[in-house]
Amino acid sequence: MVGFNILLRYIFKPSYSRNSLNTNVVRHALRRNETMDVFYLILGLIIFFVLIIGIPTGLSILILRFIKRRNYDKRLRLIALIPILTIGYFIYTAFFPTDSFYKEDFKEVTGIDFPESGEIVYKSATYPDQFGDYGSTSIVKVNKEFYENLEGQLKTKGLTDNSAKKEDDLRGPFDLVEIKKEIGKKGIEKAFSMTVDGGVFYYVGFLSDKETLIVQRQSW
């Protein structure tokens, strides 16, 4: 995960203006910057494999050897898989968050718990950067009573009516084509949004079927 973020730094390395600096200085700075980025990339990958892959694998090997030496039932050797399966689960959910992740974001955006009868029909999220910033979007089905009462809750939290640009206000590196595909012929009837100090954006769009919401959280 650390290596992934450093890889992004390498891809989006800073540029310099040739009009404002001497060409030789620019070339030297670029070479030095590129060398450091490669160093951080290699270091990040080493840390990634040692911490994320090496330690769980080592624990599994130690557990397996212990079970063999004590001549325990062979079926107990399956216990040795626990460290690997555990880290595998965390890696998987880091790239493919579970519904609980989106339900937590729903609560952060709206200020209320995800409804028990609610259903997440679409979800998408970016991987957090080195500062923990990320974006998430979910399309949620709720009952009509919840749908009607949510507007008042959003106003209480501080979100403002942004219906004039309800679709333009959808932000972030999300597949808007896919979102519109999920929405179908249902239009965004009204929308509420706010930007919190520190760089967090909240958005809730109400679809015309009176039971579907678009919930988005974006930080930077």
Foldseek 3Di string as FASTA:
>chain_A
DQLVQLVVCLVCPDADDCVVDPPVVRVVVVVVSNVVSVVSNVVSVVCCCCVLPVPLLVQLVVVLVVCVVVVHDPVCNVVSCVSVVVSVVVVVCLQVPDVVVVQVLVCVQQVDGDDPPKDWPDKDKDHAHPVRWIKIKTKMFADLVCLVPSVVSNVVVPWDKPFVPQPVPDDDPDDVVVVCVVCDPWDFRTKTKDADPQFKIWIWTQTPVSTMIMTMIGGD
